[in-house]
Structure formats: C-alpha cells, structure tokens
C-alpha atoms as a PDB file:
ATOM      1  CA  MET A   1      37.375 -66.247 -29.908  1.00  0.00           C
ATOM      2  CA  LYS A   2      39.631 -68.236 -32.195  1.00  0.00           C
ATOM      3  CA  GLY A   3      43.242 -67.355 -31.550  1.00  0.00           C
ATOM      4  CA  THR A   4      42.742 -66.476 -27.887  1.00  0.00           C
ATOM      5  CA  LYS A   5      46.012 -67.011 -26.026  1.00  0.00           C
ATOM      6  CA  VAL A   6      46.504 -67.028 -22.276  1.00  0.00           C
ATOM      7  CA  SER A   7      49.846 -66.997 -20.473  1.00  0.00           C
ATOM      8  CA  GLY A   8      50.740 -66.699 -16.829  1.00  0.00           C
ATOM      9  CA  ALA A   9      52.543 -68.002 -13.777  1.00  0.00           C
ATOM     10  CA  MET A  10      51.517 -71.248 -12.123  1.00  0.00           C
ATOM     11  CA  SER A  11      52.940 -73.188  -9.173  1.00  0.00           C
ATOM     12  CA  ARG A  12      54.274 -76.722  -9.616  1.00  0.00           C
ATOM     13  CA  SER A  13      50.991 -78.052  -8.207  1.00  0.00           C
ATOM     14  CA  GLY A  14      48.785 -76.070 -10.619  1.00  0.00           C
ATOM     15  CA  LYS A  15      47.799 -72.961  -8.609  1.00  0.00           C
ATOM     16  CA  VAL A  16      47.605 -69.989 -10.987  1.00  0.00           C
ATOM     17  CA  PHE A  17      49.138 -66.787  -9.570  1.00  0.00           C
ATOM     18  CA  HIS A  18      48.884 -64.446 -12.551  1.00  0.00           C
ATOM     19  CA  PHE A  19      47.546 -64.585 -16.109  1.00  0.00           C
ATOM     20  CA  VAL A  20      47.145 -62.334 -19.142  1.00  0.00           C
ATOM     21  CA  SER A  21      45.492 -62.761 -22.523  1.00  0.00           C
ATOM     22  CA  ASN A  22      45.940 -61.329 -25.987  1.00  0.00           C
ATOM     23  CA  LYS A  23      42.201 -60.467 -25.972  1.00  0.00           C
ATOM     24  CA  SER A  24      40.494 -57.487 -24.376  1.00  0.00           C
ATOM     25  CA  ALA A  25      39.579 -57.943 -20.705  1.00  0.00           C
ATOM     26  CA  THR A  26      36.475 -55.797 -21.295  1.00  0.00           C
ATOM     27  CA  ASP A  27      34.740 -58.434 -23.465  1.00  0.00           C
ATOM     28  CA  ASP A  28      32.614 -60.545 -21.081  1.00  0.00           C
ATOM     29  CA  ASP A  29      32.739 -63.758 -23.149  1.00  0.00           C
ATOM     30  CA  THR A  30      36.505 -63.601 -23.517  1.00  0.00           C
ATOM     31  CA  LYS A  31      36.902 -62.736 -19.832  1.00  0.00           C
ATOM     32  CA  SER A  32      34.889 -65.844 -18.836  1.00  0.00           C
ATOM     33  CA  LEU A  33      36.944 -68.051 -21.169  1.00  0.00           C
ATOM     34  CA  VAL A  34      40.258 -66.713 -19.887  1.00  0.00           C
ATOM     35  CA  GLU A  35      39.225 -67.044 -16.228  1.00  0.00           C
ATOM     36  CA  GLY A  36      38.027 -70.599 -16.889  1.00  0.00           C
ATOM     37  CA  MET A  37      41.402 -71.485 -18.358  1.00  0.00           C
ATOM     38  CA  THR A  38      43.024 -70.644 -15.011  1.00  0.00           C
ATOM     39  CA  ARG A  39      41.099 -73.474 -13.300  1.00  0.00           C
ATOM     40  CA  PHE A  40      41.899 -76.351 -15.638  1.00  0.00           C
ATOM     41  CA  LEU A  41      44.161 -78.437 -13.392  1.00  0.00           C
ATOM     42  CA  ILE A  42      42.813 -80.701 -10.655  1.00  0.00           C
ATOM     43  CA  ALA A  43      45.476 -82.281  -8.451  1.00  0.00           C
ATOM     44  CA  PRO A  44      45.562 -86.104  -8.074  1.00  0.00           C
ATOM     45  CA  PRO A  45      44.623 -87.589  -4.686  1.00  0.00           C
ATOM     46  CA  ALA A  46      47.286 -88.561  -2.157  1.00  0.00           C
ATOM     47  CA  ASN A  47      48.935 -91.941  -2.813  1.00  0.00           C
ATOM     48  CA  ALA A  48      47.841 -91.945  -6.467  1.00  0.00           C
ATOM     49  CA  LYS A  49      49.466 -94.523  -8.746  1.00  0.00           C
ATOM     50  CA  VAL A  50      48.992 -95.958 -12.219  1.00  0.00           C
ATOM     51  CA  GLY A  51      45.381 -97.126 -12.491  1.00  0.00           C
ATOM     52  CA  THR A  52      44.029 -94.633  -9.932  1.00  0.00           C
ATOM     53  CA  SER A  53      40.795 -92.880 -10.968  1.00  0.00           C
ATOM     54  CA  TRP A  54      38.930 -90.072  -9.242  1.00  0.00           C
ATOM     55  CA  VAL A  55      35.902 -87.895  -9.946  1.00  0.00           C
ATOM     56  CA  ASP A  56      35.580 -84.161  -9.319  1.00  0.00           C
ATOM     57  CA  THR A  57      32.374 -82.162  -9.670  1.00  0.00           C
ATOM     58  CA  THR A  58      32.292 -78.382 -10.061  1.00  0.00           C
ATOM     59  CA  THR A  59      29.341 -76.039 -10.253  1.00  0.00           C
ATOM     60  CA  SER A  60      29.536 -72.360 -11.077  1.00  0.00           C
ATOM     61  CA  THR A  61      27.032 -69.597 -11.733  1.00  0.00           C
ATOM     62  CA  VAL A  62      27.595 -66.624 -14.024  1.00  0.00           C
ATOM     63  CA  GLN A  63      25.432 -63.589 -13.299  1.00  0.00           C
ATOM     64  CA  ARG A  64      26.111 -60.525 -15.421  1.00  0.00           C
ATOM     65  CA  ASP A  65      24.373 -58.265 -17.905  1.00  0.00           C
ATOM     66  CA  GLY A  66      20.994 -59.853 -17.151  1.00  0.00           C
ATOM     67  CA  ALA A  67      22.212 -63.430 -17.562  1.00  0.00           C
ATOM     68  CA  GLN A  68      22.090 -66.220 -15.023  1.00  0.00           C
ATOM     69  CA  LEU A  69      23.822 -69.354 -16.275  1.00  0.00           C
ATOM     70  CA  ASP A  70      24.559 -72.434 -14.158  1.00  0.00           C
ATOM     71  CA  MET A  71      27.435 -74.638 -15.364  1.00  0.00           C
ATOM     72  CA  HIS A  72      27.935 -78.158 -13.981  1.00  0.00           C
ATOM     73  CA  THR A  73      31.037 -80.224 -14.819  1.00  0.00           C
ATOM     74  CA  ILE A  74      31.824 -83.812 -13.820  1.00  0.00           C
ATOM     75  CA  THR A  75      35.470 -84.700 -14.466  1.00  0.00           C
ATOM     76  CA  THR A  76      36.754 -88.275 -14.318  1.00  0.00           C
ATOM     77  CA  SER A  77      40.546 -88.501 -14.223  1.00  0.00           C
ATOM     78  CA  THR A  78      42.552 -91.718 -14.624  1.00  0.00           C
ATOM     79  CA  ILE A  79      46.302 -92.247 -14.430  1.00  0.00           C
ATOM     80  CA  LEU A  80      46.820 -94.433 -17.496  1.00  0.00           C
ATOM     81  CA  GLY A  81      50.512 -95.136 -17.172  1.00  0.00           C
ATOM     82  CA  ASP A  82      54.086 -93.948 -17.329  1.00  0.00           C
ATOM     83  CA  THR A  83      55.635 -92.175 -20.293  1.00  0.00           C
ATOM     84  CA  VAL A  84      58.393 -89.719 -21.177  1.00  0.00           C
ATOM     85  CA  TYR A  85      57.193 -86.181 -21.897  1.00  0.00           C
ATOM     86  CA  GLU A  86      59.584 -83.396 -22.886  1.00  0.00           C
ATOM     87  CA  GLY A  87      62.460 -85.599 -21.725  1.00  0.00           C
ATOM     88  CA  GLN A  88      61.014 -86.228 -18.258  1.00  0.00           C
ATOM     89  CA  LYS A  89      59.459 -89.374 -16.788  1.00  0.00           C
ATOM     90  CA  ALA A  90      55.758 -88.606 -16.387  1.00  0.00           C
ATOM     91  CA  TRP A  91      52.281 -89.976 -15.809  1.00  0.00           C
ATOM     92  CA  ARG A  92      49.680 -89.848 -18.598  1.00  0.00           C
ATOM     93  CA  VAL A  93      46.467 -88.656 -16.962  1.00  0.00           C
ATOM     94  CA  GLN A  94      43.315 -88.982 -19.049  1.00  0.00           C
ATOM     95  CA  ARG A  95      40.433 -86.665 -18.206  1.00  0.00           C
ATOM     96  CA  LYS A  96      36.848 -87.045 -19.410  1.00  0.00           C
ATOM     97  CA  LEU A  97      34.216 -84.372 -18.827  1.00  0.00           C
ATOM     98  CA  ILE A  98      30.436 -84.282 -18.807  1.00  0.00           C
ATOM     99  CA  LEU A  99      29.122 -80.715 -19.065  1.00  0.00           C
ATOM    100  CA  SER A 100      25.733 -79.068 -18.640  1.00  0.00           C
ATOM    101  CA  LEU A 101      24.680 -75.436 -18.923  1.00  0.00           C
ATOM    102  CA  HIS A 102      21.224 -74.091 -18.052  1.00  0.00           C
ATOM    103  CA  GLY A 103      19.735 -70.696 -17.353  1.00  0.00           C
ATOM    104  CA  THR A 104      18.711 -67.472 -19.022  1.00  0.00           C
ATOM    105  CA  GLN A 105      20.471 -64.781 -21.005  1.00  0.00           C
ATOM    106  CA  ALA A 106      19.272 -61.251 -21.707  1.00  0.00           C
ATOM    107  CA  GLN A 107      18.920 -60.584 -25.435  1.00  0.00           C
ATOM    108  CA  GLN A 108      17.077 -57.699 -27.091  1.00  0.00           C
ATOM    109  CA  GLY A 109      15.592 -56.670 -23.738  1.00  0.00           C
ATOM    110  CA  GLN A 110      14.079 -60.120 -23.115  1.00  0.00           C
ATOM    111  CA  GLN A 111      15.096 -63.259 -21.220  1.00  0.00           C
ATOM    112  CA  TRP A 112      16.104 -66.107 -23.524  1.00  0.00           C
ATOM    113  CA  LYS A 113      16.308 -69.670 -22.199  1.00  0.00           C
ATOM    114  CA  VAL A 114      19.690 -71.426 -22.565  1.00  0.00           C
ATOM    115  CA  ASP A 115      20.144 -75.207 -22.304  1.00  0.00           C
ATOM    116  CA  GLY A 116      23.206 -77.172 -23.267  1.00  0.00           C
ATOM    117  CA  ASP A 117      25.075 -80.412 -22.763  1.00  0.00           C
ATOM    118  CA  GLY A 118      28.553 -81.413 -23.779  1.00  0.00           C
ATOM    119  CA  THR A 119      31.582 -83.592 -23.336  1.00  0.00           C
ATOM    120  CA  GLY A 120      35.316 -83.168 -23.169  1.00  0.00           C
ATOM    121  CA  SER A 121      38.478 -85.199 -23.080  1.00  0.00           C
ATOM    122  CA  GLY A 122      42.159 -84.577 -22.659  1.00  0.00           C
ATOM    123  CA  MET A 123      45.553 -86.011 -21.880  1.00  0.00           C
ATOM    124  CA  TYR A 124      47.571 -84.359 -19.121  1.00  0.00           C
ATOM    125  CA  TYR A 125      51.217 -85.017 -18.256  1.00  0.00           C
ATOM    126  CA  VAL A 126      52.568 -84.811 -14.696  1.00  0.00           C
ATOM    127  CA  SER A 127      56.208 -85.573 -13.862  1.00  0.00           C
ATOM    128  CA  ALA A 128      57.275 -88.207 -11.342  1.00  0.00           C
ATOM    129  CA  ALA A 129      58.080 -85.275  -9.018  1.00  0.00           C
ATOM    130  CA  GLY A 130      54.470 -84.019  -9.264  1.00  0.00           C
ATOM    131  CA  VAL A 131      55.198 -81.140 -11.678  1.00  0.00           C
ATOM    132  CA  TYR A 132      52.545 -80.336 -14.294  1.00  0.00           C
ATOM    133  CA  LEU A 133      54.254 -80.583 -17.721  1.00  0.00           C
ATOM    134  CA  GLY A 134      51.514 -79.951 -20.279  1.00  0.00           C
ATOM    135  CA  SER A 135      48.247 -81.102 -21.813  1.00  0.00           C
ATOM    136  CA  ASP A 136      46.087 -81.404 -24.908  1.00  0.00           C
ATOM    137  CA  ALA A 137      42.329 -81.177 -24.445  1.00  0.00           C
ATOM    138  CA  MET A 138      39.061 -80.654 -26.309  1.00  0.00           C
ATOM    139  CA  GLN A 139      35.492 -79.995 -25.280  1.00  0.00           C
ATOM    140  CA  SER A 140      32.293 -79.569 -27.251  1.00  0.00           C
ATOM    141  CA  MET A 141      28.969 -78.125 -26.174  1.00  0.00           C
ATOM    142  CA  ASN A 142      25.622 -78.298 -28.002  1.00  0.00           C
ATOM    143  CA  MET A 143      23.224 -75.618 -26.829  1.00  0.00           C
ATOM    144  CA  LYS A 144      19.785 -74.308 -27.649  1.00  0.00           C
ATOM    145  CA  VAL A 145      19.069 -70.639 -27.091  1.00  0.00           C
ATOM    146  CA  ALA A 146      15.311 -69.969 -27.125  1.00  0.00           C
ATOM    147  CA  PRO A 147      13.654 -66.561 -27.394  1.00  0.00           C
ATOM    148  CA  PRO A 148      10.420 -66.010 -25.416  1.00  0.00           C
ATOM    149  CA  THR A 149       8.499 -66.756 -28.623  1.00  0.00           C
ATOM    150  CA  GLY A 150       9.689 -68.669 -31.654  1.00  0.00           C
ATOM    151  CA  ASP A 151      12.012 -71.567 -32.312  1.00  0.00           C
ATOM    152  CA  ALA A 152      15.175 -72.333 -30.360  1.00  0.00           C
ATOM    153  CA  ILE A 153      18.471 -71.527 -32.076  1.00  0.00           C
ATOM    154  CA  PRO A 154      21.047 -74.348 -32.034  1.00  0.00           C
ATOM    155  CA  VAL A 155      24.602 -73.352 -31.086  1.00  0.00           C
ATOM    156  CA  GLU A 156      27.647 -75.621 -31.206  1.00  0.00           C
ATOM    157  CA  GLN A 157      30.842 -74.651 -29.402  1.00  0.00           C
ATOM    158  CA  VAL A 158      34.119 -76.560 -29.712  1.00  0.00           C
ATOM    159  CA  VAL A 159      37.174 -75.576 -27.670  1.00  0.00           C
ATOM    160  CA  THR A 160      40.634 -77.089 -28.012  1.00  0.00           C
ATOM    161  CA  SER A 161      43.572 -76.263 -25.804  1.00  0.00           C
ATOM    162  CA  LYS A 162      47.235 -77.102 -25.642  1.00  0.00           C
ATOM    163  CA  VAL A 163      49.182 -76.082 -22.559  1.00  0.00           C
ATOM    164  CA  GLU A 164      52.983 -76.105 -22.686  1.00  0.00           C
ATOM    165  CA  LEU A 165      55.584 -74.981 -20.197  1.00  0.00           C
ATOM    166  CA  LEU A 166      58.017 -72.343 -21.335  1.00  0.00           C
ATOM    167  CA  GLY A 167      61.604 -73.555 -21.519  1.00  0.00           C
ATOM    168  CA  ALA A 168      64.173 -71.986 -19.206  1.00  0.00           C
ATOM    169  CA  GLY A 169      65.739 -70.184 -22.185  1.00  0.00           C
ATOM    170  CA  SER A 170      62.493 -68.524 -23.318  1.00  0.00           C
ATOM    171  CA  GLN A 171      61.455 -66.851 -20.057  1.00  0.00           C
END
C-alpha cells in the first residue's frame, strides 16, 4: 500500500466531509486504511492549555470476507507548547498510541488466528484559533498470523503519515 494518498474536505475542527484516494475502493485492505485515515484527529478538551494531557480509547471491529478483527487503540495527547507552523501561531500536540489487534481471518478456507500489538507517535499542529494545520505521525504493529496447524507467521507493519493543508492558491 506504499504510495497510498488520501485527499478530502475537513472542517476546521477535524470532521471529515468527503475523501478520495488514488487506490481502488474495491480493495478491502486499502479501503480500511483510507477510512481509518479519516478518523485521525481527536479534538482537545474544553479549556485546554499548554501542559494539558488527555486520553482517548477507541475500539472497532472489522467483519468482512470471513474475518473478525477487534482493534483497540489508547491515545494519549499532550499539548507540549507554542510554536509557529506554516506562519501561524500554533500548539504542538504530541500523541502517543498503544495498539492491539486480535481475532481471526479467513485464509485458504480456514480460520487463522491474528494477534498483534503496536505503538505510534506523532506531532500535530493546531492554530491558536483552533484550526488543524498539519501533522507527522508513525505507527508500527507486530503481528502473528497462525494457521490452524503449523507455526505462526510474523508480520510487521509500519505506517507513516504527513497531513498538510492545501494553500489557498492550490485549491
């Protein structure tokens, strides 16, 4: 999925209204990745200031093509301080993730067990007016996919993302 690009329209607070990708929407793995990219922004709590930290937990289940995978993500966000980003005064918001994935996946007509754990980190930039400006993030997941008989197969997945706003002249 290297080279996957997603673009779309998002409100100032991070709500995604529309998105498209350069990859086929019929590929289930790409579809899951693209849809996941539309839920990357978690708004800070009311009255947040430099030094504020908060924790968000999300759980989702994917059921398709004989698979049932449960994904659990714990995200700790901290406003580290003020900075200037793309010429605007902004907060630097650090996010750290703890990920887990468990379930089964249909392969070769059989149910294979899937177990994985991972981490992620990123720096997000939000203007003094509360406008999302951009981010750089990375997450890695180490999984084991086990057939009904035989040894588990190790799988490592690393995802990096950079989100930038389009300039007024490029829209």
